[in-house]
Amino acid sequence: HAYVDANITGFLHVLEGCRHHGVGHLVFASSSSVYGANRKL
C-alpha cells in the first residue's frame, strides 16, 4: 500500500499540478526495475 500511496497517488497529484499551473517540463524518476523479466542485454 505504501507504493500505491506514494508512487501512484503522489505522482498523479504532481501531474495534475503540472497540468494546471503551466509547468514547462516535468522530469521524473523511473527505474531499471521496469525491465523486470527482460533478459536481453
Full PDB file with SEQRES, HELIX, SHEET, SSBOND, CRYST1, ORIGX, SCALE, CONECT and MASTER records, all heavy atoms in Angstrom:
SEQRES   1 A   41  HIS ALA TYR VAL ASP ALA ASN ILE THR GLY PHE LEU HIS          
SEQRES   2 A   41  VAL LEU GLU GLY CYS ARG HIS HIS GLY VAL GLY HIS LEU          
SEQRES   3 A   41  VAL PHE ALA SER SER SER SER VAL TYR GLY ALA ASN ARG          
SEQRES   4 A   41  LYS LEU                                                      
HELIX    1 AA1 ALA A    2  TYR A    3  1                                   2    
HELIX    2 AA2 VAL A    4  THR A    9  3                                   6    
HELIX    3 AA3 GLY A   10  HIS A   20  1                                  11    
HELIX    4 AA4 SER A   32  TYR A   35  5                                   4    
CRYST1    1.000    1.000    1.000  90.00  90.00  90.00 P 1           1          
ORIGX1      1.000000  0.000000  0.000000        0.00000                         
ORIGX2      0.000000  1.000000  0.000000        0.00000                         
ORIGX3      0.000000  0.000000  1.000000        0.00000                         
SCALE1      1.000000  0.000000  0.000000        0.00000                         
SCALE2      0.000000  1.000000  0.000000        0.00000                         
SCALE3      0.000000  0.000000  1.000000        0.00000                         
ATOM      1  N   HIS A   1       0.815  -1.210   0.000  1.00  0.00           N  
ATOM      2  CA  HIS A   1       0.000   0.000   0.000  1.00  0.00           C  
ATOM      3  C   HIS A   1       0.852   1.265   0.000  1.00  0.00           C  
ATOM      4  O   HIS A   1       0.455   2.296  -0.566  1.00  0.00           O  
ATOM      5  CB  HIS A   1      -0.954  -0.001   1.203  1.00  0.00           C  
ATOM      6  CG  HIS A   1      -1.956  -1.114   1.157  1.00  0.00           C  
ATOM      7  ND1 HIS A   1      -1.710  -2.350   1.705  1.00  0.00           N  
ATOM      8  CD2 HIS A   1      -3.187  -1.189   0.606  1.00  0.00           C  
ATOM      9  CE1 HIS A   1      -2.745  -3.134   1.513  1.00  0.00           C  
ATOM     10  NE2 HIS A   1      -3.664  -2.465   0.845  1.00  0.00           N  
ATOM     11  N   ALA A   2       2.027   1.189   0.617  1.00  0.00           N  
ATOM     12  CA  ALA A   2       2.920   2.359   0.653  1.00  0.00           C  
ATOM     13  C   ALA A   2       3.341   2.761  -0.753  1.00  0.00           C  
ATOM     14  O   ALA A   2       3.528   3.954  -1.041  1.00  0.00           O  
ATOM     15  CB  ALA A   2       4.147   2.059   1.510  1.00  0.00           C  
ATOM     16  N   TYR A   3       3.459   1.789  -1.651  1.00  0.00           N  
ATOM     17  CA  TYR A   3       3.908   2.055  -3.021  1.00  0.00           C  
ATOM     18  C   TYR A   3       2.801   2.695  -3.863  1.00  0.00           C  
ATOM     19  O   TYR A   3       3.064   3.565  -4.682  1.00  0.00           O  
ATOM     20  CB  TYR A   3       4.420   0.764  -3.658  1.00  0.00           C  
ATOM     21  CG  TYR A   3       5.729   0.331  -3.042  1.00  0.00           C  
ATOM     22  CD1 TYR A   3       5.746  -0.300  -1.802  1.00  0.00           C  
ATOM     23  CD2 TYR A   3       6.939   0.603  -3.654  1.00  0.00           C  
ATOM     24  CE1 TYR A   3       6.936  -0.660  -1.191  1.00  0.00           C  
ATOM     25  CE2 TYR A   3       8.136   0.242  -3.063  1.00  0.00           C  
ATOM     26  CZ  TYR A   3       8.138  -0.384  -1.831  1.00  0.00           C  
ATOM     27  OH  TYR A   3       9.323  -0.721  -1.223  1.00  0.00           O  
ATOM     28  N   VAL A   4       1.577   2.254  -3.624  1.00  0.00           N  
ATOM     29  CA  VAL A   4       0.463   2.857  -4.354  1.00  0.00           C  
ATOM     30  C   VAL A   4       0.224   4.288  -3.861  1.00  0.00           C  
ATOM     31  O   VAL A   4       0.034   5.210  -4.656  1.00  0.00           O  
ATOM     32  CB  VAL A   4      -0.804   2.002  -4.209  1.00  0.00           C  
ATOM     33  CG1 VAL A   4      -2.006   2.712  -4.839  1.00  0.00           C  
ATOM     34  CG2 VAL A   4      -0.595   0.645  -4.872  1.00  0.00           C  
ATOM     35  N   ASP A   5       0.275   4.494  -2.554  1.00  0.00           N  
ATOM     36  CA  ASP A   5       0.063   5.832  -1.996  1.00  0.00           C  
ATOM     37  C   ASP A   5       1.112   6.822  -2.507  1.00  0.00           C  
ATOM     38  O   ASP A   5       0.782   7.915  -2.970  1.00  0.00           O  
ATOM     39  CB  ASP A   5       0.108   5.794  -0.464  1.00  0.00           C  
ATOM     40  CG  ASP A   5      -1.060   5.033   0.140  1.00  0.00           C  
ATOM     41  OD1 ASP A   5      -2.063   4.821  -0.575  1.00  0.00           O  
ATOM     42  OD2 ASP A   5      -0.965   4.653   1.321  1.00  0.00           O  
ATOM     43  N   ALA A   6       2.385   6.442  -2.427  1.00  0.00           N  
ATOM     44  CA  ALA A   6       3.463   7.365  -2.785  1.00  0.00           C  
ATOM     45  C   ALA A   6       3.709   7.419  -4.283  1.00  0.00           C  
ATOM     46  O   ALA A   6       3.822   8.503  -4.863  1.00  0.00           O  
ATOM     47  CB  ALA A   6       4.749   6.958  -2.060  1.00  0.00           C  
ATOM     48  N   ASN A   7       3.782   6.266  -4.917  1.00  0.00           N  
ATOM     49  CA  ASN A   7       4.249   6.216  -6.304  1.00  0.00           C  
ATOM     50  C   ASN A   7       3.146   6.409  -7.341  1.00  0.00           C  
ATOM     51  O   ASN A   7       3.425   6.850  -8.455  1.00  0.00           O  
ATOM     52  CB  ASN A   7       4.963   4.888  -6.567  1.00  0.00           C  
ATOM     53  CG  ASN A   7       6.172   4.679  -5.666  1.00  0.00           C  
ATOM     54  OD1 ASN A   7       6.438   5.492  -4.772  1.00  0.00           O  
ATOM     55  ND2 ASN A   7       6.897   3.603  -5.864  1.00  0.00           N  
ATOM     56  N   ILE A   8       1.926   6.068  -6.984  1.00  0.00           N  
ATOM     57  CA  ILE A   8       0.818   6.238  -7.927  1.00  0.00           C  
ATOM     58  C   ILE A   8       0.006   7.489  -7.579  1.00  0.00           C  
ATOM     59  O   ILE A   8      -0.082   8.435  -8.375  1.00  0.00           O  
ATOM     60  CB  ILE A   8      -0.103   5.003  -7.946  1.00  0.00           C  
ATOM     61  CG1 ILE A   8       0.707   3.737  -8.284  1.00  0.00           C  
ATOM     62  CG2 ILE A   8      -1.236   5.223  -8.938  1.00  0.00           C  
ATOM     63  CD1 ILE A   8       1.346   3.744  -9.651  1.00  0.00           C  
ATOM     64  N   THR A   9      -0.572   7.523  -6.387  1.00  0.00           N  
ATOM     65  CA  THR A   9      -1.386   8.677  -5.994  1.00  0.00           C  
ATOM     66  C   THR A   9      -0.537   9.949  -5.943  1.00  0.00           C  
ATOM     67  O   THR A   9      -0.941  11.002  -6.456  1.00  0.00           O  
ATOM     68  CB  THR A   9      -2.049   8.427  -4.629  1.00  0.00           C  
ATOM     69  OG1 THR A   9      -2.845   7.241  -4.703  1.00  0.00           O  
ATOM     70  CG2 THR A   9      -2.918   9.604  -4.226  1.00  0.00           C  
ATOM     71  N   GLY A  10       0.634   9.854  -5.337  1.00  0.00           N  
ATOM     72  CA  GLY A  10       1.507  11.022  -5.249  1.00  0.00           C  
ATOM     73  C   GLY A  10       1.893  11.549  -6.618  1.00  0.00           C  
ATOM     74  O   GLY A  10       1.921  12.763  -6.853  1.00  0.00           O  
ATOM     75  N   PHE A  11       2.192  10.642  -7.543  1.00  0.00           N  
ATOM     76  CA  PHE A  11       2.585  11.073  -8.887  1.00  0.00           C  
ATOM     77  C   PHE A  11       1.403  11.705  -9.632  1.00  0.00           C  
ATOM     78  O   PHE A  11       1.582  12.671 -10.383  1.00  0.00           O  
ATOM     79  CB  PHE A  11       3.149   9.888  -9.677  1.00  0.00           C  
ATOM     80  CG  PHE A  11       3.754  10.279 -11.002  1.00  0.00           C  
ATOM     81  CD1 PHE A  11       4.693  11.287 -11.080  1.00  0.00           C  
ATOM     82  CD2 PHE A  11       3.386   9.630 -12.167  1.00  0.00           C  
ATOM     83  CE1 PHE A  11       5.263  11.657 -12.300  1.00  0.00           C  
ATOM     84  CE2 PHE A  11       3.955   9.979 -13.394  1.00  0.00           C  
ATOM     85  CZ  PHE A  11       4.889  10.999 -13.457  1.00  0.00           C  
ATOM     86  N   LEU A  12       0.208  11.171  -9.428  1.00  0.00           N  
ATOM     87  CA  LEU A  12      -0.971  11.781 -10.039  1.00  0.00           C  
ATOM     88  C   LEU A  12      -1.114  13.237  -9.595  1.00  0.00           C  
ATOM     89  O   LEU A  12      -1.404  14.125 -10.411  1.00  0.00           O  
ATOM     90  CB  LEU A  12      -2.224  10.996  -9.659  1.00  0.00           C  
ATOM     91  CG  LEU A  12      -3.553  11.611 -10.127  1.00  0.00           C  
ATOM     92  CD1 LEU A  12      -3.619  11.703 -11.646  1.00  0.00           C  
ATOM     93  CD2 LEU A  12      -4.731  10.821  -9.567  1.00  0.00           C  
ATOM     94  N   HIS A  13      -0.890  13.498  -8.312  1.00  0.00           N  
ATOM     95  CA  HIS A  13      -1.010  14.866  -7.806  1.00  0.00           C  
ATOM     96  C   HIS A  13       0.047  15.780  -8.418  1.00  0.00           C  
ATOM     97  O   HIS A  13      -0.234  16.965  -8.693  1.00  0.00           O  
ATOM     98  CB  HIS A  13      -0.914  14.862  -6.284  1.00  0.00           C  
ATOM     99  CG  HIS A  13      -2.061  14.152  -5.630  1.00  0.00           C  
ATOM    100  ND1 HIS A  13      -2.020  13.724  -4.322  1.00  0.00           N  
ATOM    101  CD2 HIS A  13      -3.277  13.772  -6.117  1.00  0.00           C  
ATOM    102  CE1 HIS A  13      -3.160  13.123  -4.023  1.00  0.00           C  
ATOM    103  NE2 HIS A  13      -3.939  13.134  -5.090  1.00  0.00           N  
ATOM    104  N   VAL A  14       1.244  15.248  -8.656  1.00  0.00           N  
ATOM    105  CA  VAL A  14       2.291  16.029  -9.320  1.00  0.00           C  
ATOM    106  C   VAL A  14       1.886  16.337 -10.762  1.00  0.00           C  
ATOM    107  O   VAL A  14       2.020  17.469 -11.240  1.00  0.00           O  
ATOM    108  CB  VAL A  14       3.641  15.287  -9.277  1.00  0.00           C  
ATOM    109  CG1 VAL A  14       4.678  15.972 -10.178  1.00  0.00           C  
ATOM    110  CG2 VAL A  14       4.169  15.224  -7.849  1.00  0.00           C  
ATOM    111  N   LEU A  15       1.394  15.336 -11.470  1.00  0.00           N  
ATOM    112  CA  LEU A  15       0.952  15.539 -12.847  1.00  0.00           C  
ATOM    113  C   LEU A  15      -0.153  16.588 -12.929  1.00  0.00           C  
ATOM    114  O   LEU A  15      -0.140  17.467 -13.807  1.00  0.00           O  
ATOM    115  CB  LEU A  15       0.452  14.225 -13.446  1.00  0.00           C  
ATOM    116  CG  LEU A  15       1.509  13.184 -13.801  1.00  0.00           C  
ATOM    117  CD1 LEU A  15       0.841  11.847 -14.116  1.00  0.00           C  
ATOM    118  CD2 LEU A  15       2.354  13.639 -14.992  1.00  0.00           C  
ATOM    119  N   GLU A  16      -1.113  16.514 -12.024  1.00  0.00           N  
ATOM    120  CA  GLU A  16      -2.203  17.485 -12.013  1.00  0.00           C  
ATOM    121  C   GLU A  16      -1.683  18.893 -11.724  1.00  0.00           C  
ATOM    122  O   GLU A  16      -2.134  19.876 -12.322  1.00  0.00           O  
ATOM    123  CB  GLU A  16      -3.249  17.079 -10.980  1.00  0.00           C  
ATOM    124  CG  GLU A  16      -4.195  16.005 -11.473  1.00  0.00           C  
ATOM    125  CD  GLU A  16      -5.170  16.555 -12.503  1.00  0.00           C  
ATOM    126  OE1 GLU A  16      -6.138  17.222 -12.118  1.00  0.00           O  
ATOM    127  OE2 GLU A  16      -4.938  16.335 -13.718  1.00  0.00           O  
ATOM    128  N   GLY A  17      -0.722  19.002 -10.803  1.00  0.00           N  
ATOM    129  CA  GLY A  17      -0.128  20.302 -10.508  1.00  0.00           C  
ATOM    130  C   GLY A  17       0.566  20.881 -11.720  1.00  0.00           C  
ATOM    131  O   GLY A  17       0.422  22.074 -12.036  1.00  0.00           O  
ATOM    132  N   CYS A  18       1.306  20.039 -12.430  1.00  0.00           N  
ATOM    133  CA  CYS A  18       1.988  20.492 -13.648  1.00  0.00           C  
ATOM    134  C   CYS A  18       0.986  20.919 -14.711  1.00  0.00           C  
ATOM    135  O   CYS A  18       1.149  21.946 -15.380  1.00  0.00           O  
ATOM    136  CB  CYS A  18       2.876  19.379 -14.196  1.00  0.00           C  
ATOM    137  SG  CYS A  18       4.303  18.970 -13.165  1.00  0.00           S  
ATOM    138  N   ARG A  19      -0.056  20.133 -14.861  1.00  0.00           N  
ATOM    139  CA  ARG A  19      -1.082  20.404 -15.884  1.00  0.00           C  
ATOM    140  C   ARG A  19      -1.771  21.749 -15.661  1.00  0.00           C  
ATOM    141  O   ARG A  19      -1.963  22.528 -16.612  1.00  0.00           O  
ATOM    142  CB  ARG A  19      -2.118  19.280 -15.857  1.00  0.00           C  
ATOM    143  CG  ARG A  19      -3.356  19.564 -16.680  1.00  0.00           C  
ATOM    144  CD  ARG A  19      -4.459  18.565 -16.344  1.00  0.00           C  
ATOM    145  NE  ARG A  19      -5.706  18.913 -17.012  1.00  0.00           N  
ATOM    146  CZ  ARG A  19      -6.881  18.306 -16.780  1.00  0.00           C  
ATOM    147  NH1 ARG A  19      -6.942  17.322 -15.893  1.00  0.00           N  
ATOM    148  NH2 ARG A  19      -7.967  18.686 -17.420  1.00  0.00           N  
ATOM    149  N   HIS A  20      -2.129  22.031 -14.425  1.00  0.00           N  
ATOM    150  CA  HIS A  20      -2.963  23.206 -14.148  1.00  0.00           C  
ATOM    151  C   HIS A  20      -2.164  24.482 -13.866  1.00  0.00           C  
ATOM    152  O   HIS A  20      -2.773  25.548 -13.729  1.00  0.00           O  
ATOM    153  CB  HIS A  20      -3.891  22.908 -12.968  1.00  0.00           C  
ATOM    154  CG  HIS A  20      -4.953  21.902 -13.284  1.00  0.00           C  
ATOM    155  ND1 HIS A  20      -5.976  22.156 -14.174  1.00  0.00           N  
ATOM    156  CD2 HIS A  20      -5.131  20.620 -12.844  1.00  0.00           C  
ATOM    157  CE1 HIS A  20      -6.758  21.084 -14.258  1.00  0.00           C  
ATOM    158  NE2 HIS A  20      -6.271  20.144 -13.465  1.00  0.00           N  
ATOM    159  N   HIS A  21      -0.846  24.364 -13.777  1.00  0.00           N  
ATOM    160  CA  HIS A  21      -0.064  25.547 -13.396  1.00  0.00           C  
ATOM    161  C   HIS A  21       1.063  25.858 -14.372  1.00  0.00           C  
ATOM    162  O   HIS A  21       2.058  26.490 -13.996  1.00  0.00           O  
ATOM    163  CB  HIS A  21       0.456  25.382 -11.966  1.00  0.00           C  
ATOM    164  CG  HIS A  21      -0.652  25.324 -10.948  1.00  0.00           C  
ATOM    165  ND1 HIS A  21      -1.292  26.450 -10.492  1.00  0.00           N  
ATOM    166  CD2 HIS A  21      -1.256  24.275 -10.337  1.00  0.00           C  
ATOM    167  CE1 HIS A  21      -2.247  26.097  -9.635  1.00  0.00           C  
ATOM    168  NE2 HIS A  21      -2.239  24.784  -9.522  1.00  0.00           N  
ATOM    169  N   GLY A  22       0.919  25.421 -15.610  1.00  0.00           N  
ATOM    170  CA  GLY A  22       1.817  25.871 -16.662  1.00  0.00           C  
ATOM    171  C   GLY A  22       3.269  25.469 -16.532  1.00  0.00           C  
ATOM    172  O   GLY A  22       4.160  26.210 -16.968  1.00  0.00           O  
ATOM    173  N   VAL A  23       3.528  24.314 -15.949  1.00  0.00           N  
ATOM    174  CA  VAL A  23       4.912  23.846 -15.814  1.00  0.00           C  
ATOM    175  C   VAL A  23       5.485  23.542 -17.197  1.00  0.00           C  
ATOM    176  O   VAL A  23       4.841  22.862 -18.014  1.00  0.00           O  
ATOM    177  CB  VAL A  23       4.976  22.610 -14.894  1.00  0.00           C  
ATOM    178  CG1 VAL A  23       6.353  21.943 -14.957  1.00  0.00           C  
ATOM    179  CG2 VAL A  23       4.647  23.019 -13.462  1.00  0.00           C  
ATOM    180  N   GLY A  24       6.708  24.004 -17.454  1.00  0.00           N  
ATOM    181  CA  GLY A  24       7.305  23.866 -18.779  1.00  0.00           C  
ATOM    182  C   GLY A  24       7.942  22.533 -19.068  1.00  0.00           C  
ATOM    183  O   GLY A  24       8.138  22.173 -20.244  1.00  0.00           O  
ATOM    184  N   HIS A  25       8.258  21.756 -18.025  1.00  0.00           N  
ATOM    185  CA  HIS A  25       8.881  20.444 -18.229  1.00  0.00           C  
ATOM    186  C   HIS A  25       8.863  19.692 -16.907  1.00  0.00           C  
ATOM    187  O   HIS A  25       9.253  20.235 -15.866  1.00  0.00           O  
ATOM    188  CB  HIS A  25      10.330  20.597 -18.703  1.00  0.00           C  
ATOM    189  CG  HIS A  25      10.958  19.323 -19.198  1.00  0.00           C  
ATOM    190  ND1 HIS A  25      12.334  19.172 -19.326  1.00  0.00           N  
ATOM    191  CD2 HIS A  25      10.424  18.138 -19.604  1.00  0.00           C  
ATOM    192  CE1 HIS A  25      12.607  17.974 -19.797  1.00  0.00           C  
ATOM    193  NE2 HIS A  25      11.455  17.321 -19.963  1.00  0.00           N  
ATOM    194  N   LEU A  26       8.406  18.458 -16.947  1.00  0.00           N  
ATOM    195  CA  LEU A  26       8.439  17.553 -15.793  1.00  0.00           C  
ATOM    196  C   LEU A  26       9.445  16.451 -16.067  1.00  0.00           C  
ATOM    197  O   LEU A  26       9.314  15.712 -17.055  1.00  0.00           O  
ATOM    198  CB  LEU A  26       7.055  16.943 -15.544  1.00  0.00           C  
ATOM    199  CG  LEU A  26       7.002  15.731 -14.600  1.00  0.00           C  
ATOM    200  CD1 LEU A  26       7.458  16.103 -13.189  1.00  0.00           C  
ATOM    201  CD2 LEU A  26       5.596  15.123 -14.574  1.00  0.00           C  
ATOM    202  N   VAL A  27      10.450  16.344 -15.200  1.00  0.00           N  
ATOM    203  CA  VAL A  27      11.399  15.243 -15.254  1.00  0.00           C  
ATOM    204  C   VAL A  27      11.123  14.360 -14.043  1.00  0.00           C  
ATOM    205  O   VAL A  27      11.066  14.856 -12.916  1.00  0.00           O  
ATOM    206  CB  VAL A  27      12.858  15.758 -15.215  1.00  0.00           C  
ATOM    207  CG1 VAL A  27      13.833  14.594 -15.099  1.00  0.00           C  
ATOM    208  CG2 VAL A  27      13.153  16.578 -16.469  1.00  0.00           C  
ATOM    209  N   PHE A  28      10.930  13.067 -14.263  1.00  0.00           N  
ATOM    210  CA  PHE A  28      10.575  12.189 -13.149  1.00  0.00           C  
ATOM    211  C   PHE A  28      11.452  10.944 -13.123  1.00  0.00           C  
ATOM    212  O   PHE A  28      11.959  10.489 -14.147  1.00  0.00           O  
ATOM    213  CB  PHE A  28       9.095  11.796 -13.207  1.00  0.00           C  
ATOM    214  CG  PHE A  28       8.715  10.908 -14.368  1.00  0.00           C  
ATOM    215  CD1 PHE A  28       8.663   9.529 -14.223  1.00  0.00           C  
ATOM    216  CD2 PHE A  28       8.400  11.455 -15.607  1.00  0.00           C  
ATOM    217  CE1 PHE A  28       8.304   8.709 -15.290  1.00  0.00           C  
ATOM    218  CE2 PHE A  28       8.035  10.649 -16.678  1.00  0.00           C  
ATOM    219  CZ  PHE A  28       7.993   9.271 -16.517  1.00  0.00           C  
ATOM    220  N   ALA A  29      11.617  10.410 -11.915  1.00  0.00           N  
ATOM    221  CA  ALA A  29      12.439   9.222 -11.716  1.00  0.00           C  
ATOM    222  C   ALA A  29      11.643   7.966 -12.019  1.00  0.00           C  
ATOM    223  O   ALA A  29      10.619   7.696 -11.401  1.00  0.00           O  
ATOM    224  CB  ALA A  29      12.954   9.169 -10.280  1.00  0.00           C  
ATOM    225  N   SER A  30      12.142   7.204 -12.990  1.00  0.00           N  
ATOM    226  CA  SER A  30      11.677   5.838 -13.175  1.00  0.00           C  
ATOM    227  C   SER A  30      12.786   4.941 -12.612  1.00  0.00           C  
ATOM    228  O   SER A  30      13.546   5.368 -11.744  1.00  0.00           O  
ATOM    229  CB  SER A  30      11.374   5.555 -14.641  1.00  0.00           C  
ATOM    230  OG  SER A  30      10.805   4.267 -14.783  1.00  0.00           O  
ATOM    231  N   SER A  31      12.914   3.735 -13.098  1.00  0.00           N  
ATOM    232  CA  SER A  31      13.880   2.812 -12.506  1.00  0.00           C  
ATOM    233  C   SER A  31      14.222   1.686 -13.473  1.00  0.00           C  
ATOM    234  O   SER A  31      13.395   1.299 -14.310  1.00  0.00           O  
ATOM    235  CB  SER A  31      13.291   2.206 -11.223  1.00  0.00           C  
ATOM    236  OG  SER A  31      14.057   1.111 -10.757  1.00  0.00           O  
ATOM    237  N   SER A  32      15.422   1.151 -13.326  1.00  0.00           N  
ATOM    238  CA  SER A  32      15.799  -0.033 -14.096  1.00  0.00           C  
ATOM    239  C   SER A  32      14.913  -1.216 -13.748  1.00  0.00           C  
ATOM    240  O   SER A  32      14.841  -2.193 -14.503  1.00  0.00           O  
ATOM    241  CB  SER A  32      17.265  -0.392 -13.842  1.00  0.00           C  
ATOM    242  OG  SER A  32      17.480  -0.707 -12.472  1.00  0.00           O  
ATOM    243  N   SER A  33      14.192  -1.133 -12.621  1.00  0.00           N  
ATOM    244  CA  SER A  33      13.303  -2.222 -12.212  1.00  0.00           C  
ATOM    245  C   SER A  33      12.170  -2.450 -13.209  1.00  0.00           C  
ATOM    246  O   SER A  33      11.552  -3.519 -13.207  1.00  0.00           O  
ATOM    247  CB  SER A  33      12.716  -1.942 -10.827  1.00  0.00           C  
ATOM    248  OG  SER A  33      13.720  -1.965  -9.836  1.00  0.00           O  
ATOM    249  N   VAL A  34      11.888  -1.460 -14.075  1.00  0.00           N  
ATOM    250  CA  VAL A  34      10.809  -1.660 -15.051  1.00  0.00           C  
ATOM    251  C   VAL A  34      11.158  -2.767 -16.042  1.00  0.00           C  
ATOM    252  O   VAL A  34      10.253  -3.344 -16.670  1.00  0.00           O  
ATOM    253  CB  VAL A  34      10.472  -0.366 -15.824  1.00  0.00           C  
ATOM    254  CG1 VAL A  34      10.059   0.742 -14.864  1.00  0.00           C  
ATOM    255  CG2 VAL A  34      11.611   0.084 -16.714  1.00  0.00           C  
ATOM    256  N   TYR A  35      12.443  -3.085 -16.199  1.00  0.00           N  
ATOM    257  CA  TYR A  35      12.829  -4.115 -17.168  1.00  0.00           C  
ATOM    258  C   TYR A  35      12.423  -5.509 -16.711  1.00  0.00           C  
ATOM    259  O   TYR A  35      12.300  -6.416 -17.534  1.00  0.00           O  
ATOM    260  CB  TYR A  35      14.329  -4.031 -17.466  1.00  0.00           C  
ATOM    261  CG  TYR A  35      14.677  -2.805 -18.287  1.00  0.00           C  
ATOM    262  CD1 TYR A  35      15.235  -1.687 -17.690  1.00  0.00           C  
ATOM    263  CD2 TYR A  35      14.395  -2.758 -19.647  1.00  0.00           C  
ATOM    264  CE1 TYR A  35      15.523  -0.538 -18.425  1.00  0.00           C  
ATOM    265  CE2 TYR A  35      14.680  -1.626 -20.394  1.00  0.00           C  
ATOM    266  CZ  TYR A  35      15.239  -0.516 -19.777  1.00  0.00           C  
ATOM    267  OH  TYR A  35      15.492   0.614 -20.517  1.00  0.00           O  
ATOM    268  N   GLY A  36      12.217  -5.685 -15.411  1.00  0.00           N  
ATOM    269  CA  GLY A  36      11.629  -6.904 -14.886  1.00  0.00           C  
ATOM    270  C   GLY A  36      12.226  -8.184 -15.429  1.00  0.00           C  
ATOM    271  O   GLY A  36      13.414  -8.463 -15.266  1.00  0.00           O  
ATOM    272  N   ALA A  37      11.388  -8.958 -16.110  1.00  0.00           N  
ATOM    273  CA  ALA A  37      11.801 -10.271 -16.606  1.00  0.00           C  
ATOM    274  C   ALA A  37      12.626 -10.202 -17.892  1.00  0.00           C  
ATOM    275  O   ALA A  37      13.079 -11.238 -18.384  1.00  0.00           O  
ATOM    276  CB  ALA A  37      10.571 -11.146 -16.837  1.00  0.00           C  
ATOM    277  N   ASN A  38      12.828  -8.998 -18.445  1.00  0.00           N  
ATOM    278  CA  ASN A  38      13.644  -8.877 -19.658  1.00  0.00           C  
ATOM    279  C   ASN A  38      15.046  -9.428 -19.424  1.00  0.00           C  
ATOM    280  O   ASN A  38      15.679  -9.133 -18.411  1.00  0.00           O  
ATOM    281  CB  ASN A  38      13.773  -7.404 -20.086  1.00  0.00           C  
ATOM    282  CG  ASN A  38      12.499  -6.835 -20.670  1.00  0.00           C  
ATOM    283  OD1 ASN A  38      11.409  -7.300 -20.354  1.00  0.00           O  
ATOM    284  ND2 ASN A  38      12.631  -5.823 -21.509  1.00  0.00           N  
ATOM    285  N   ARG A  39      15.542 -10.191 -20.372  1.00  0.00           N  
ATOM    286  CA  ARG A  39      16.905 -10.699 -20.247  1.00  0.00           C  
ATOM    287  C   ARG A  39      17.768 -10.300 -21.458  1.00  0.00           C  
ATOM    288  O   ARG A  39      18.916 -10.701 -21.561  1.00  0.00           O  
ATOM    289  CB  ARG A  39      16.899 -12.234 -20.106  1.00  0.00           C  
ATOM    290  CG  ARG A  39      16.279 -12.706 -18.815  1.00  0.00           C  
ATOM    291  CD  ARG A  39      17.258 -12.734 -17.633  1.00  0.00           C  
ATOM    292  NE  ARG A  39      17.906 -11.487 -17.318  1.00  0.00           N  
ATOM    293  CZ  ARG A  39      17.392 -10.527 -16.548  1.00  0.00           C  
ATOM    294  NH1 ARG A  39      16.207 -10.647 -16.037  1.00  0.00           N  
ATOM    295  NH2 ARG A  39      18.069  -9.440 -16.297  1.00  0.00           N  
ATOM    296  N   LYS A  40      17.223  -9.558 -22.378  1.00  0.00           N  
ATOM    297  CA  LYS A  40      18.017  -9.044 -23.485  1.00  0.00           C  
ATOM    298  C   LYS A  40      18.892  -7.900 -22.970  1.00  0.00           C  
ATOM    299  O   LYS A  40      18.388  -6.900 -22.458  1.00  0.00           O  
ATOM    300  CB  LYS A  40      17.092  -8.528 -24.596  1.00  0.00           C  
ATOM    301  CG  LYS A  40      17.826  -7.875 -25.763  1.00  0.00           C  
ATOM    302  CD  LYS A  40      16.840  -7.216 -26.716  1.00  0.00           C  
ATOM    303  CE  LYS A  40      17.558  -6.383 -27.756  1.00  0.00           C  
ATOM    304  NZ  LYS A  40      16.596  -5.615 -28.603  1.00  0.00           N  
ATOM    305  N   LEU A  41      20.195  -8.065 -23.062  1.00  0.00           N  
ATOM    306  CA  LEU A  41      21.138  -7.082 -22.540  1.00  0.00           C  
ATOM    307  C   LEU A  41      21.954  -6.454 -23.664  1.00  0.00           C  
ATOM    308  O   LEU A  41      22.273  -7.129 -24.640  1.00  0.00           O  
ATOM    309  CB  LEU A  41      22.073  -7.737 -21.514  1.00  0.00           C  
ATOM    310  CG  LEU A  41      21.385  -8.309 -20.265  1.00  0.00           C  
ATOM    311  CD1 LEU A  41      22.395  -9.094 -19.438  1.00  0.00           C  
ATOM    312  CD2 LEU A  41      20.778  -7.199 -19.426  1.00  0.00           C  
TER     313      LEU A  41                                                      
MASTER        0    0    0    4    0    0    0    6  312    1    0    4          
END                                                                             
